[in-house]
Amino acid sequence: MVKELYQKWLHHPNTDETLKTELKSMNEKEINDAFYKNIEFGTAGMRGILGAGSNRINIHTIRKATVGFGQYILNHNGQEQGVAIGYDNRHMSYEFAMDCAKVLASMNIKVYVFERLRPTPELSFAVRHFQCFGGIMITASHNPKEYNGYKLYDALGCQLVPHLASQVIDLVNAVEDELAIVPVLSKEQEALVHVVGKDVDDAYYKEVLAIQLNANLNKTIKIVFSPEHGASNLAVQSVLKEAGYHCILVEEQATADPDFSNTESPNPEDLKAYKLAIEYAKKHDADVILVCDPDGDRMGVAVKKDQEYKVLTGNQTGAVLIEYILSQLTKQQRLPNNAIMFNTVVTSDLGEKIASSYGVETEKTLTGFKFIGEKVAKYEINHEKTYVFGYEESYGSLIKDFVRDKDATQACLMLAEACNYYALESKTLYDVLLDLYHKHGTYDESQIAITLKGQEGALKIQSIMQTLREHPLKEVAGVKVIGHQDFQRLIEVKDNQEKALVGFTPSDVLKFYLEDGSWIAVRPSGTEPKCKIYFDVVGSSEEDAKKKAATFHKAMQEYIK
């Protein structure tokens, strides 16, 4: 089957010539990895390595996905509303986006495509701005340069949730021959493609600037900002400048470079992403460093601590933002009585404790911001709760819901305001975090990721999860496990009693609760060939929590081996 498919791609008249050249150079193992399956179009869309083959991201697999989505649009009579299309700085992102526009227009579907790269949250905004039926974002988020991907959005600007995505998946899988798709447009169909730009930018920036809680603060701080060669550069700089902040750009990382030439990592979760920004911060004596991932939906933060710069985790940044937002809303008597915050099942418990101290309820979702977007939409309709904040441990948050995805532009502005507010009180953001630890308990949140590539790796990850499911952990480094949650079987087990987990879609996640108040969660990544292990460790001090976390890390790595 693999060899036949390889030969078909190699000799088909429609196969892209660049891909044909790559096919000719492949060895047997490379051929197998490229063709042993079709690249998975899942509930998070598609993400994978760029290259030739049915298991790669290329013009043909992108066309197949777009035809499936186009058929979904036609089935729901959404062609007149149309689709908004955005893209980031990656290799082929522009070409894929423009080809998506052609494929949809050839199906008589209206299209709004950005003139140049834009951050993912602005694509979410554009869907709502134009009242589209849906959206497409060409991005692989914070993955390495070899990757690209394809995300789909609904009419609310939210990534498709599983029950909608499953309809698209069926239609994509029904497309038998991706190589047969060659969009050719009539004059009438060409007119369906609308190129958009500054008007959408201006409308989006206006909404972002309106999130400020203390817009008239005397701006005293210095901010170092890096877009990591990605799509957030224009948006974040424009908003910070308009708000009056002194923003110092990391010039070497400001070009839209698909090779990420001047950063060791484009991922704010990786300490290497901050290396050059920290050099800038020391040179300019900056108060805070803001770093965005390539598609501009995640924000990383480093704050001044004793003349050095400490990189905060996504959980720590979330905690500081929650404290600032809720304290200011309370002070201004604007905190709703029915306020609700959302985070995920692998997000630290600290945020929930802070929210609870302000009388704000926390509702947990599975990983993937689409689930938070879905909750926001539900309460927008029934008015039972009022949204005040949502975030994930993976450095993504949403302040105001005119966007329905993680929004680093909003996060950068609100974090800058929080930093400025506390600086006027002679506090750093790290001081604020220590105050939160003193009040709510000290937490050390971390994760390890075991990378297992290719077909063999995928089978190993399945085996790890199956073993943990069939033989749940009893203890970790001598600390007793007192219960666990299985989000695939939707059950919770505690004291040998089993009960149903309500309100979740089945997902391959296991979470183990320890006797000392800590927890450990295990899940395969939905976008990378990795098995991720999350740790939320409670300690009597920062040193104690870190020491316990290191012990738990070692124990879990040995267990997995």
Protein backbone atom coordinates (compact mmCIF):
# COMPACT_ATOMS: atom_id res chain seq x y z
CA MET A 1 0.00 0.00 0.00
CA VAL A 2 2.81 2.43 0.97
CA LYS A 3 4.80 1.72 -2.19
CA GLU A 4 1.76 2.05 -4.45
CA LEU A 5 0.85 5.38 -2.89
CA TYR A 6 4.42 6.60 -3.20
CA GLN A 7 4.50 5.68 -6.89
CA LYS A 8 1.17 7.41 -7.47
CA TRP A 9 2.46 10.67 -5.95
CA LEU A 10 5.76 10.36 -7.78
CA HIS A 11 4.19 9.98 -11.22
CA HIS A 12 0.89 11.90 -10.93
CA PRO A 13 0.74 14.88 -13.34
CA ASN A 14 -0.73 17.16 -10.64
CA THR A 15 1.90 16.50 -7.98
CA ASP A 16 3.76 19.70 -7.14
CA GLU A 17 7.17 19.64 -8.82
CA THR A 18 9.05 20.57 -5.63
CA LEU A 19 7.38 17.66 -3.87
CA LYS A 20 8.31 15.32 -6.74
CA THR A 21 11.97 16.27 -6.30
CA GLU A 22 11.71 15.47 -2.60
CA LEU A 23 9.99 12.14 -3.34
CA LYS A 24 12.86 11.08 -5.62
CA SER A 25 15.40 11.64 -2.84
CA MET A 26 13.57 9.56 -0.16
CA ASN A 27 14.96 6.36 1.30
CA GLU A 28 12.75 3.44 2.34
CA LYS A 29 12.23 4.59 5.94
CA GLU A 30 11.38 8.13 4.83
CA ILE A 31 8.89 6.76 2.29
CA ASN A 32 7.21 4.67 4.98
CA ASP A 33 6.92 7.60 7.42
CA ALA A 34 5.54 9.86 4.65
CA PHE A 35 2.92 7.39 3.41
CA TYR A 36 2.08 4.82 6.11
CA LYS A 37 -1.09 6.78 6.90
CA ASN A 38 -2.99 9.90 5.90
CA ILE A 39 -2.07 12.89 8.05
CA GLU A 40 -4.66 12.98 10.78
CA PHE A 41 -7.34 15.62 10.49
CA GLY A 42 -8.47 15.63 14.10
CA THR A 43 -10.50 17.78 16.46
CA ALA A 44 -7.61 20.29 16.54
CA GLY A 45 -7.32 20.39 12.73
CA MET A 46 -4.03 19.29 11.19
CA ARG A 47 -0.45 19.83 12.25
CA GLY A 48 2.62 18.06 10.97
CA ILE A 49 5.97 18.15 9.23
CA LEU A 50 6.12 19.97 5.90
CA GLY A 51 6.97 17.75 2.97
CA ALA A 52 5.84 15.26 0.35
CA GLY A 53 3.44 12.46 1.22
CA SER A 54 -0.01 11.67 2.51
CA ASN A 55 1.27 11.95 6.11
CA ARG A 56 2.78 15.40 5.63
CA ILE A 57 1.58 18.99 5.38
CA ASN A 58 1.73 20.05 1.74
CA ILE A 59 -0.40 21.77 -0.89
CA HIS A 60 -2.29 18.55 -1.65
CA THR A 61 -3.18 17.57 1.94
CA ILE A 62 -4.18 21.21 2.60
CA ARG A 63 -6.46 21.12 -0.47
CA LYS A 64 -8.05 17.89 0.73
CA ALA A 65 -8.81 19.45 4.12
CA THR A 66 -10.20 22.59 2.48
CA VAL A 67 -12.51 20.66 0.15
CA GLY A 68 -13.85 18.78 3.19
CA PHE A 69 -14.40 22.05 5.08
CA GLY A 70 -15.93 23.63 1.96
CA GLN A 71 -18.42 20.77 1.68
CA TYR A 72 -19.29 21.26 5.38
CA ILE A 73 -19.95 24.96 4.66
CA LEU A 74 -22.17 24.13 1.67
CA ASN A 75 -24.07 21.52 3.71
CA HIS A 76 -24.94 24.30 6.17
CA ASN A 77 -25.63 26.96 3.50
CA GLY A 78 -22.76 29.08 4.79
CA GLN A 79 -21.30 30.08 1.42
CA GLU A 80 -22.78 33.62 1.47
CA GLN A 81 -21.40 34.33 4.97
CA GLY A 82 -18.05 33.05 3.85
CA VAL A 83 -14.75 32.23 5.50
CA ALA A 84 -11.93 34.36 6.95
CA ILE A 85 -8.39 33.08 6.34
CA GLY A 86 -5.24 34.03 8.26
CA TYR A 87 -1.66 32.77 8.29
CA ASP A 88 1.63 33.12 10.14
CA ASN A 89 5.30 33.40 9.12
CA ARG A 90 6.03 29.73 8.43
CA HIS A 91 7.26 28.15 5.24
CA MET A 92 4.35 27.90 2.79
CA SER A 93 1.85 29.64 5.10
CA TYR A 94 1.13 32.39 2.56
CA GLU A 95 0.91 29.91 -0.33
CA PHE A 96 -1.39 27.58 1.61
CA ALA A 97 -3.68 30.45 2.66
CA MET A 98 -4.03 31.78 -0.88
CA ASP A 99 -4.63 28.29 -2.23
CA CYS A 100 -7.33 27.72 0.43
CA ALA A 101 -8.99 30.91 -0.80
CA LYS A 102 -8.95 29.57 -4.38
CA VAL A 103 -10.31 26.16 -3.41
CA LEU A 104 -13.21 27.70 -1.48
CA ALA A 105 -13.97 30.27 -4.19
CA SER A 106 -14.00 27.45 -6.75
CA MET A 107 -16.80 25.97 -4.60
CA ASN A 108 -18.65 29.36 -4.76
CA ILE A 109 -17.81 30.24 -1.14
CA LYS A 110 -17.00 33.86 -0.23
CA VAL A 111 -13.53 34.40 1.27
CA TYR A 112 -11.83 37.14 3.30
CA VAL A 113 -8.06 36.55 3.28
CA PHE A 114 -5.52 38.78 5.05
CA GLU A 115 -3.06 40.70 2.87
CA ARG A 116 -0.13 39.63 5.07
CA LEU A 117 0.52 37.57 8.18
CA ARG A 118 -1.63 38.26 11.24
CA PRO A 119 -1.83 36.69 14.73
CA THR A 120 -4.30 33.87 15.29
CA PRO A 121 -6.53 35.89 17.66
CA GLU A 122 -7.03 38.51 14.93
CA LEU A 123 -8.29 35.74 12.64
CA SER A 124 -10.78 34.77 15.36
CA PHE A 125 -11.78 38.43 15.58
CA ALA A 126 -12.13 38.71 11.78
CA VAL A 127 -14.58 35.79 11.68
CA ARG A 128 -16.84 37.72 14.08
CA HIS A 129 -16.13 41.10 12.45
CA PHE A 130 -17.29 39.91 9.01
CA GLN A 131 -19.99 37.63 10.49
CA CYS A 132 -18.45 34.70 8.64
CA PHE A 133 -19.60 31.12 8.78
CA GLY A 134 -16.10 30.09 9.86
CA GLY A 135 -12.37 30.59 9.57
CA ILE A 136 -9.09 28.94 8.63
CA MET A 137 -5.73 29.70 10.25
CA ILE A 138 -2.56 28.37 8.65
CA THR A 139 -0.13 27.90 11.54
CA ALA A 140 1.82 25.38 13.56
CA SER A 141 1.81 27.65 16.61
CA HIS A 142 5.08 27.19 18.56
CA ASN A 143 6.26 24.00 16.84
CA PRO A 144 9.74 23.86 15.23
CA LYS A 145 10.34 25.37 11.78
CA GLU A 146 9.82 22.03 9.99
CA TYR A 147 6.10 22.12 10.87
CA ASN A 148 2.97 23.81 9.60
CA GLY A 149 -0.72 23.28 10.26
CA TYR A 150 -4.36 24.08 9.65
CA LYS A 151 -6.95 25.15 12.24
CA LEU A 152 -10.67 25.63 11.70
CA TYR A 153 -13.03 28.10 13.38
CA ASP A 154 -16.80 28.33 13.73
CA ALA A 155 -19.05 31.38 13.32
CA LEU A 156 -18.26 32.52 16.88
CA GLY A 157 -14.53 32.64 16.14
CA CYS A 158 -13.93 29.55 18.27
CA GLN A 159 -11.94 26.54 17.11
CA LEU A 160 -14.31 23.75 16.11
CA VAL A 161 -15.33 21.66 19.12
CA PRO A 162 -15.39 17.85 18.70
CA HIS A 163 -19.05 17.37 17.69
CA LEU A 164 -18.62 19.92 14.87
CA ALA A 165 -15.09 18.86 13.97
CA SER A 166 -16.25 15.25 13.59
CA GLN A 167 -18.60 16.33 10.79
CA VAL A 168 -15.70 18.00 8.96
CA ILE A 169 -13.42 15.01 9.61
CA ASP A 170 -15.92 12.68 7.90
CA LEU A 171 -16.10 14.99 4.88
CA VAL A 172 -12.31 15.34 4.67
CA ASN A 173 -11.87 11.58 4.88
CA ALA A 174 -14.45 11.19 2.10
CA VAL A 175 -12.17 13.06 -0.33
CA GLU A 176 -10.62 10.13 -2.16
CA ASP A 177 -7.87 11.73 -4.21
CA GLU A 178 -6.14 14.89 -2.98
CA LEU A 179 -3.97 14.96 -6.11
CA ALA A 180 -7.06 15.45 -8.30
CA ILE A 181 -7.89 18.81 -6.66
CA VAL A 182 -6.73 21.72 -8.84
CA PRO A 183 -8.77 24.91 -8.27
CA VAL A 184 -9.60 26.90 -11.42
CA LEU A 185 -11.70 30.05 -10.95
CA SER A 186 -14.15 31.79 -13.25
CA LYS A 187 -14.30 35.62 -13.23
CA GLU A 188 -17.34 35.44 -10.94
CA GLN A 189 -15.51 33.15 -8.54
CA GLU A 190 -12.42 35.37 -8.50
CA ALA A 191 -14.68 38.17 -7.26
CA LEU A 192 -15.55 36.05 -4.19
CA VAL A 193 -12.00 36.50 -2.82
CA HIS A 194 -11.67 39.68 -0.71
CA VAL A 195 -8.22 40.74 0.51
CA VAL A 196 -8.43 42.48 3.91
CA GLY A 197 -6.02 44.37 6.14
CA LYS A 198 -5.89 47.71 7.95
CA ASP A 199 -9.64 48.11 8.52
CA VAL A 200 -9.71 44.84 10.46
CA ASP A 201 -6.52 45.79 12.31
CA ASP A 202 -8.01 49.10 13.45
CA ALA A 203 -11.24 47.46 14.65
CA TYR A 204 -9.30 44.76 16.53
CA TYR A 205 -6.86 47.22 18.15
CA LYS A 206 -9.77 49.38 19.33
CA GLU A 207 -11.32 46.40 21.15
CA VAL A 208 -7.97 45.39 22.66
CA LEU A 209 -7.29 48.89 23.98
CA ALA A 210 -10.73 48.88 25.62
CA ILE A 211 -9.72 46.05 28.00
CA GLN A 212 -7.56 48.40 30.09
CA LEU A 213 -8.65 48.67 33.72
CA ASN A 214 -6.42 51.65 34.58
CA ALA A 215 -5.76 53.30 31.24
CA ASN A 216 -4.73 56.62 32.82
CA LEU A 217 -1.86 55.28 34.90
CA ASN A 218 1.40 57.21 34.67
CA LYS A 219 3.44 54.94 32.39
CA THR A 220 6.80 54.42 34.07
CA ILE A 221 7.94 50.94 33.02
CA LYS A 222 10.20 49.77 30.21
CA ILE A 223 9.11 46.69 28.24
CA VAL A 224 11.29 44.47 26.05
CA PHE A 225 9.19 42.69 23.44
CA SER A 226 9.99 39.88 21.00
CA PRO A 227 7.57 38.41 18.43
CA GLU A 228 10.09 35.54 17.90
CA HIS A 229 10.01 36.24 14.13
CA GLY A 230 6.24 35.67 14.14
CA ALA A 231 2.89 37.28 13.44
CA SER A 232 2.40 39.30 16.66
CA ASN A 233 4.91 42.05 15.88
CA LEU A 234 2.60 44.68 14.38
CA ALA A 235 -0.36 44.03 16.69
CA VAL A 236 1.48 44.05 20.03
CA GLN A 237 3.70 47.01 19.17
CA SER A 238 0.73 49.04 17.88
CA VAL A 239 -1.37 48.41 21.00
CA LEU A 240 1.43 49.04 23.52
CA LYS A 241 2.43 52.25 21.73
CA GLU A 242 -1.16 53.51 21.57
CA ALA A 243 -1.54 52.79 25.30
CA GLY A 244 1.55 54.88 26.03
CA TYR A 245 4.08 52.21 27.02
CA HIS A 246 7.83 52.37 26.35
CA CYS A 247 8.37 49.24 24.26
CA ILE A 248 11.86 48.13 23.21
CA LEU A 249 11.75 45.72 20.27
CA VAL A 250 14.20 42.82 19.95
CA GLU A 251 15.13 43.87 16.43
CA GLU A 252 16.90 40.65 15.43
CA GLN A 253 13.69 38.68 16.09
CA ALA A 254 11.29 41.16 14.46
CA THR A 255 11.55 39.90 10.88
CA ALA A 256 8.91 37.42 9.68
CA ASP A 257 11.49 34.67 9.25
CA PRO A 258 10.21 31.10 8.68
CA ASP A 259 13.57 29.68 9.76
CA PHE A 260 13.52 31.50 13.12
CA SER A 261 17.17 32.38 12.42
CA ASN A 262 17.82 34.53 15.49
CA THR A 263 16.11 32.52 18.19
CA GLU A 264 17.11 29.16 19.61
CA SER A 265 13.43 28.37 20.14
CA PRO A 266 10.20 30.12 19.05
CA ASN A 267 8.32 28.56 21.98
CA PRO A 268 7.70 30.74 25.09
CA GLU A 269 7.58 27.52 27.14
CA ASP A 270 11.29 27.05 26.38
CA LEU A 271 13.82 29.11 28.36
CA LYS A 272 15.98 29.43 25.22
CA ALA A 273 13.27 31.65 23.70
CA TYR A 274 14.20 34.45 26.14
CA LYS A 275 17.97 34.49 25.68
CA LEU A 276 18.31 37.52 23.39
CA ALA A 277 15.41 39.39 25.04
CA ILE A 278 17.15 39.06 28.43
CA GLU A 279 20.31 40.59 26.93
CA TYR A 280 18.17 43.53 25.73
CA ALA A 281 16.48 43.83 29.13
CA LYS A 282 19.79 43.98 30.99
CA LYS A 283 21.13 46.57 28.56
CA HIS A 284 18.06 48.81 28.91
CA ASP A 285 17.25 47.99 32.57
CA ALA A 286 13.76 46.89 31.53
CA ASP A 287 11.05 46.01 34.03
CA VAL A 288 9.48 43.16 32.10
CA ILE A 289 10.05 40.99 29.03
CA LEU A 290 7.14 39.91 26.81
CA VAL A 291 7.64 37.12 24.26
CA CYS A 292 5.00 35.80 21.85
CA ASP A 293 4.94 32.54 19.93
CA PRO A 294 4.94 32.59 16.10
CA ASP A 295 1.16 32.83 15.63
CA GLY A 296 0.70 35.34 18.44
CA ASP A 297 -1.76 33.50 20.66
CA ARG A 298 0.61 32.66 23.54
CA MET A 299 2.61 35.07 25.69
CA GLY A 300 5.69 34.34 27.79
CA VAL A 301 6.90 36.66 30.54
CA ALA A 302 10.18 37.31 32.33
CA VAL A 303 10.25 39.74 35.26
CA LYS A 304 13.01 41.57 37.04
CA LYS A 305 14.20 39.89 40.24
CA ASP A 306 17.29 41.20 42.05
CA GLN A 307 18.72 42.69 38.82
CA GLU A 308 18.20 39.38 37.02
CA TYR A 309 15.21 38.20 34.98
CA LYS A 310 13.05 35.28 36.04
CA VAL A 311 10.90 33.55 33.44
CA LEU A 312 7.42 32.85 34.76
CA THR A 313 5.50 29.72 33.88
CA GLY A 314 2.12 29.97 32.16
CA ASN A 315 0.51 29.08 35.48
CA GLN A 316 2.40 31.83 37.33
CA THR A 317 1.56 34.44 34.69
CA GLY A 318 -2.08 33.34 34.83
CA ALA A 319 -2.07 33.69 38.63
CA VAL A 320 -0.66 37.24 38.48
CA LEU A 321 -3.20 38.27 35.81
CA ILE A 322 -6.09 36.79 37.80
CA GLU A 323 -5.00 38.66 40.93
CA TYR A 324 -4.62 41.96 39.07
CA ILE A 325 -7.87 41.73 37.10
CA LEU A 326 -10.07 40.58 39.98
CA SER A 327 -8.53 42.98 42.51
CA GLN A 328 -9.11 45.93 40.16
CA LEU A 329 -12.66 44.90 39.24
CA THR A 330 -13.39 44.56 42.97
CA LYS A 331 -11.80 47.93 43.76
CA GLN A 332 -13.83 49.58 40.99
CA GLN A 333 -17.00 47.76 42.09
CA ARG A 334 -17.28 46.18 38.64
CA LEU A 335 -16.90 42.50 39.55
CA PRO A 336 -20.12 40.69 38.56
CA ASN A 337 -21.93 38.63 41.22
CA ASN A 338 -22.04 35.65 38.86
CA ALA A 339 -18.41 35.92 37.65
CA ILE A 340 -16.74 32.81 36.28
CA MET A 341 -13.19 31.95 35.27
CA PHE A 342 -12.15 29.03 33.08
CA ASN A 343 -8.99 26.94 33.05
CA THR A 344 -8.10 23.36 32.18
CA VAL A 345 -7.69 20.05 33.97
CA VAL A 346 -3.88 20.39 33.69
CA THR A 347 -3.76 23.98 34.99
CA SER A 348 -2.41 24.67 38.50
CA ASP A 349 -4.79 24.85 41.45
CA LEU A 350 -3.34 28.24 42.45
CA GLY A 351 -5.48 30.19 39.98
CA GLU A 352 -8.66 28.62 41.30
CA LYS A 353 -7.68 29.52 44.88
CA ILE A 354 -7.11 33.16 43.89
CA ALA A 355 -10.43 33.33 42.04
CA SER A 356 -12.25 31.76 44.99
CA SER A 357 -10.81 34.40 47.34
CA TYR A 358 -12.68 37.00 45.25
CA GLY A 359 -15.89 34.94 45.16
CA VAL A 360 -15.31 33.94 41.52
CA GLU A 361 -16.22 30.42 40.41
CA THR A 362 -13.77 28.32 38.36
CA GLU A 363 -14.92 25.84 35.73
CA LYS A 364 -12.43 23.39 34.26
CA THR A 365 -12.25 22.16 30.67
CA LEU A 366 -10.09 19.76 28.72
CA THR A 367 -6.89 21.13 27.16
CA GLY A 368 -7.55 23.14 24.01
CA PHE A 369 -8.87 26.69 24.15
CA LYS A 370 -11.83 25.68 21.99
CA PHE A 371 -13.40 24.17 25.10
CA ILE A 372 -13.09 27.48 26.94
CA GLY A 373 -14.54 29.26 23.89
CA GLU A 374 -17.46 26.84 23.93
CA LYS A 375 -18.16 27.62 27.61
CA VAL A 376 -17.99 31.37 26.93
CA ALA A 377 -20.59 30.98 24.15
CA LYS A 378 -22.89 28.95 26.41
CA TYR A 379 -22.96 31.59 29.15
CA GLU A 380 -23.26 34.40 26.60
CA ILE A 381 -26.57 32.83 25.58
CA ASN A 382 -28.03 31.78 28.94
CA HIS A 383 -26.52 34.61 31.08
CA GLU A 384 -26.13 32.27 34.06
CA LYS A 385 -22.49 33.34 34.49
CA THR A 386 -20.37 36.31 33.40
CA TYR A 387 -16.95 35.63 31.92
CA VAL A 388 -14.01 37.43 33.57
CA PHE A 389 -10.94 35.40 32.52
CA GLY A 390 -9.77 32.18 30.89
CA TYR A 391 -6.33 30.62 30.63
CA GLU A 392 -4.27 27.48 30.09
CA GLU A 393 -0.99 26.43 31.67
CA SER A 394 0.53 26.48 28.18
CA TYR A 395 0.92 30.29 28.20
CA GLY A 396 -2.42 31.16 26.61
CA SER A 397 -5.08 33.44 28.08
CA LEU A 398 -8.08 35.53 27.05
CA ILE A 399 -9.06 38.74 28.84
CA LYS A 400 -12.16 39.86 26.91
CA ASP A 401 -14.26 37.57 24.75
CA PHE A 402 -14.52 39.62 21.53
CA VAL A 403 -11.95 36.99 20.51
CA ARG A 404 -12.71 33.32 21.17
CA ASP A 405 -9.17 31.98 21.28
CA LYS A 406 -6.01 32.65 23.25
CA ASP A 407 -4.96 36.25 22.63
CA ALA A 408 -1.38 37.31 23.29
CA THR A 409 -2.09 40.89 22.18
CA GLN A 410 -4.62 41.30 24.98
CA ALA A 411 -2.38 39.43 27.42
CA CYS A 412 0.62 41.65 26.64
CA LEU A 413 -1.39 44.82 27.23
CA MET A 414 -2.94 43.61 30.50
CA LEU A 415 0.37 42.24 31.80
CA ALA A 416 2.07 45.55 30.98
CA GLU A 417 -0.67 47.38 32.89
CA ALA A 418 -0.31 45.06 35.89
CA CYS A 419 3.47 45.52 35.87
CA ASN A 420 3.07 49.31 35.70
CA TYR A 421 0.41 49.37 38.44
CA TYR A 422 2.52 47.37 40.88
CA ALA A 423 5.71 49.30 39.96
CA LEU A 424 3.95 52.47 41.14
CA GLU A 425 3.53 50.62 44.46
CA SER A 426 7.26 49.71 44.40
CA LYS A 427 6.50 46.06 43.67
CA THR A 428 7.67 43.77 40.88
CA LEU A 429 5.44 41.09 39.39
CA TYR A 430 7.60 38.55 41.18
CA ASP A 431 6.78 40.26 44.49
CA VAL A 432 3.10 39.86 43.61
CA LEU A 433 3.63 36.16 42.96
CA LEU A 434 5.38 35.68 46.31
CA ASP A 435 2.47 37.44 48.03
CA LEU A 436 0.10 34.98 46.35
CA TYR A 437 2.21 32.05 47.57
CA HIS A 438 2.15 33.44 51.10
CA LYS A 439 -1.63 33.77 50.99
CA HIS A 440 -2.65 30.64 49.06
CA GLY A 441 0.28 28.18 49.32
CA THR A 442 3.48 27.65 47.34
CA TYR A 443 3.16 25.81 44.03
CA ASP A 444 5.73 24.48 41.62
CA GLU A 445 4.20 23.75 38.22
CA SER A 446 6.20 21.99 35.54
CA GLN A 447 6.04 19.38 32.83
CA ILE A 448 8.24 16.91 31.05
CA ALA A 449 7.67 15.78 27.48
CA ILE A 450 8.86 12.47 26.11
CA THR A 451 9.33 12.75 22.33
CA LEU A 452 8.61 9.56 20.36
CA LYS A 453 8.56 10.14 16.61
CA GLY A 454 7.11 8.19 13.70
CA GLN A 455 4.91 5.10 13.62
CA GLU A 456 6.96 3.33 16.29
CA GLY A 457 6.76 6.33 18.60
CA ALA A 458 2.99 6.62 18.24
CA LEU A 459 2.62 2.97 19.26
CA LYS A 460 4.86 3.50 22.31
CA ILE A 461 2.76 6.46 23.47
CA GLN A 462 -0.40 4.34 23.13
CA SER A 463 1.28 1.62 25.19
CA ILE A 464 2.24 4.07 27.95
CA MET A 465 -1.32 5.34 28.28
CA GLN A 466 -2.81 1.84 28.16
CA THR A 467 -0.50 0.60 30.92
CA LEU A 468 -1.27 3.58 33.17
CA ARG A 469 -4.99 3.10 32.53
CA GLU A 470 -5.00 -0.62 33.30
CA HIS A 471 -2.58 -0.32 36.23
CA PRO A 472 -3.07 3.13 37.84
CA LEU A 473 -0.27 4.59 39.95
CA LYS A 474 -0.40 3.67 43.63
CA GLU A 475 2.37 6.00 44.77
CA VAL A 476 4.94 8.42 43.34
CA ALA A 477 8.35 8.76 45.06
CA GLY A 478 6.85 7.39 48.24
CA VAL A 479 3.83 9.72 48.24
CA LYS A 480 0.51 7.87 48.17
CA VAL A 481 -1.91 8.36 45.27
CA ILE A 482 -5.37 8.88 46.79
CA GLY A 483 -7.43 8.99 43.59
CA HIS A 484 -7.38 9.45 39.85
CA GLN A 485 -9.46 10.73 36.95
CA ASP A 486 -9.65 9.03 33.57
CA PHE A 487 -10.97 11.49 30.99
CA GLN A 488 -11.17 8.84 28.28
CA ARG A 489 -13.49 6.59 30.26
CA LEU A 490 -14.97 9.67 32.02
CA ILE A 491 -14.61 8.23 35.50
CA GLU A 492 -13.16 9.40 38.81
CA VAL A 493 -11.88 6.86 41.36
CA LYS A 494 -11.38 7.77 45.03
CA ASP A 495 -11.40 5.52 48.10
CA ASN A 496 -12.19 2.59 45.81
CA GLN A 497 -15.39 4.36 44.80
CA GLU A 498 -16.03 5.12 41.14
CA LYS A 499 -18.20 7.96 39.87
CA ALA A 500 -18.85 9.58 36.49
CA LEU A 501 -16.96 12.67 35.28
CA VAL A 502 -19.65 14.99 33.93
CA GLY A 503 -19.31 17.81 31.39
CA PHE A 504 -16.31 16.53 29.45
CA THR A 505 -15.81 15.04 26.00
CA PRO A 506 -13.80 11.78 26.16
CA SER A 507 -10.08 12.57 25.91
CA ASP A 508 -6.89 10.59 26.46
CA VAL A 509 -5.89 12.21 29.78
CA LEU A 510 -5.12 10.64 33.16
CA LYS A 511 -4.79 12.68 36.35
CA PHE A 512 -3.47 11.30 39.65
CA TYR A 513 -4.07 13.05 43.00
CA LEU A 514 -1.42 12.68 45.70
CA GLU A 515 -1.84 12.63 49.46
CA ASP A 516 0.19 15.83 49.95
CA GLY A 517 -2.17 17.94 47.77
CA SER A 518 -0.07 17.66 44.61
CA TRP A 519 -1.23 16.07 41.35
CA ILE A 520 0.31 14.57 38.22
CA ALA A 521 -1.40 14.34 34.81
CA VAL A 522 -0.37 12.39 31.70
CA ARG A 523 -1.59 12.95 28.15
CA PRO A 524 -0.34 12.53 24.59
CA SER A 525 0.13 15.84 22.77
CA GLY A 526 -2.55 16.51 20.18
CA THR A 527 -0.12 18.38 17.93
CA GLU A 528 3.34 16.84 18.44
CA PRO A 529 4.80 13.30 18.75
CA LYS A 530 5.08 13.65 22.53
CA CYS A 531 3.75 12.18 25.74
CA LYS A 532 3.37 15.04 28.22
CA ILE A 533 3.48 14.70 32.02
CA TYR A 534 2.22 17.65 34.08
CA PHE A 535 3.15 18.29 37.72
CA ASP A 536 1.35 20.59 40.18
CA VAL A 537 3.38 20.30 43.37
CA VAL A 538 2.51 21.89 46.71
CA GLY A 539 5.35 22.68 49.12
CA SER A 540 6.05 24.56 52.34
CA SER A 541 8.38 26.91 50.44
CA GLU A 542 9.67 27.48 46.90
CA GLU A 543 12.73 25.38 47.70
CA ASP A 544 10.64 22.56 49.17
CA ALA A 545 8.21 22.54 46.23
CA LYS A 546 11.07 22.46 43.68
CA LYS A 547 12.81 19.64 45.54
CA LYS A 548 9.61 17.57 45.62
CA ALA A 549 8.96 18.31 41.93
CA ALA A 550 12.45 17.06 40.97
CA THR A 551 11.80 13.83 42.92
CA PHE A 552 8.44 13.34 41.17
CA HIS A 553 10.04 14.02 37.76
CA LYS A 554 12.67 11.36 38.34
CA ALA A 555 10.12 8.82 39.57
CA MET A 556 7.82 9.33 36.56
CA GLN A 557 10.68 9.18 34.04
CA GLU A 558 11.84 5.90 35.55
CA TYR A 559 8.27 4.58 35.50
CA ILE A 560 7.82 5.46 31.83
CA LYS A 561 11.14 3.79 30.91
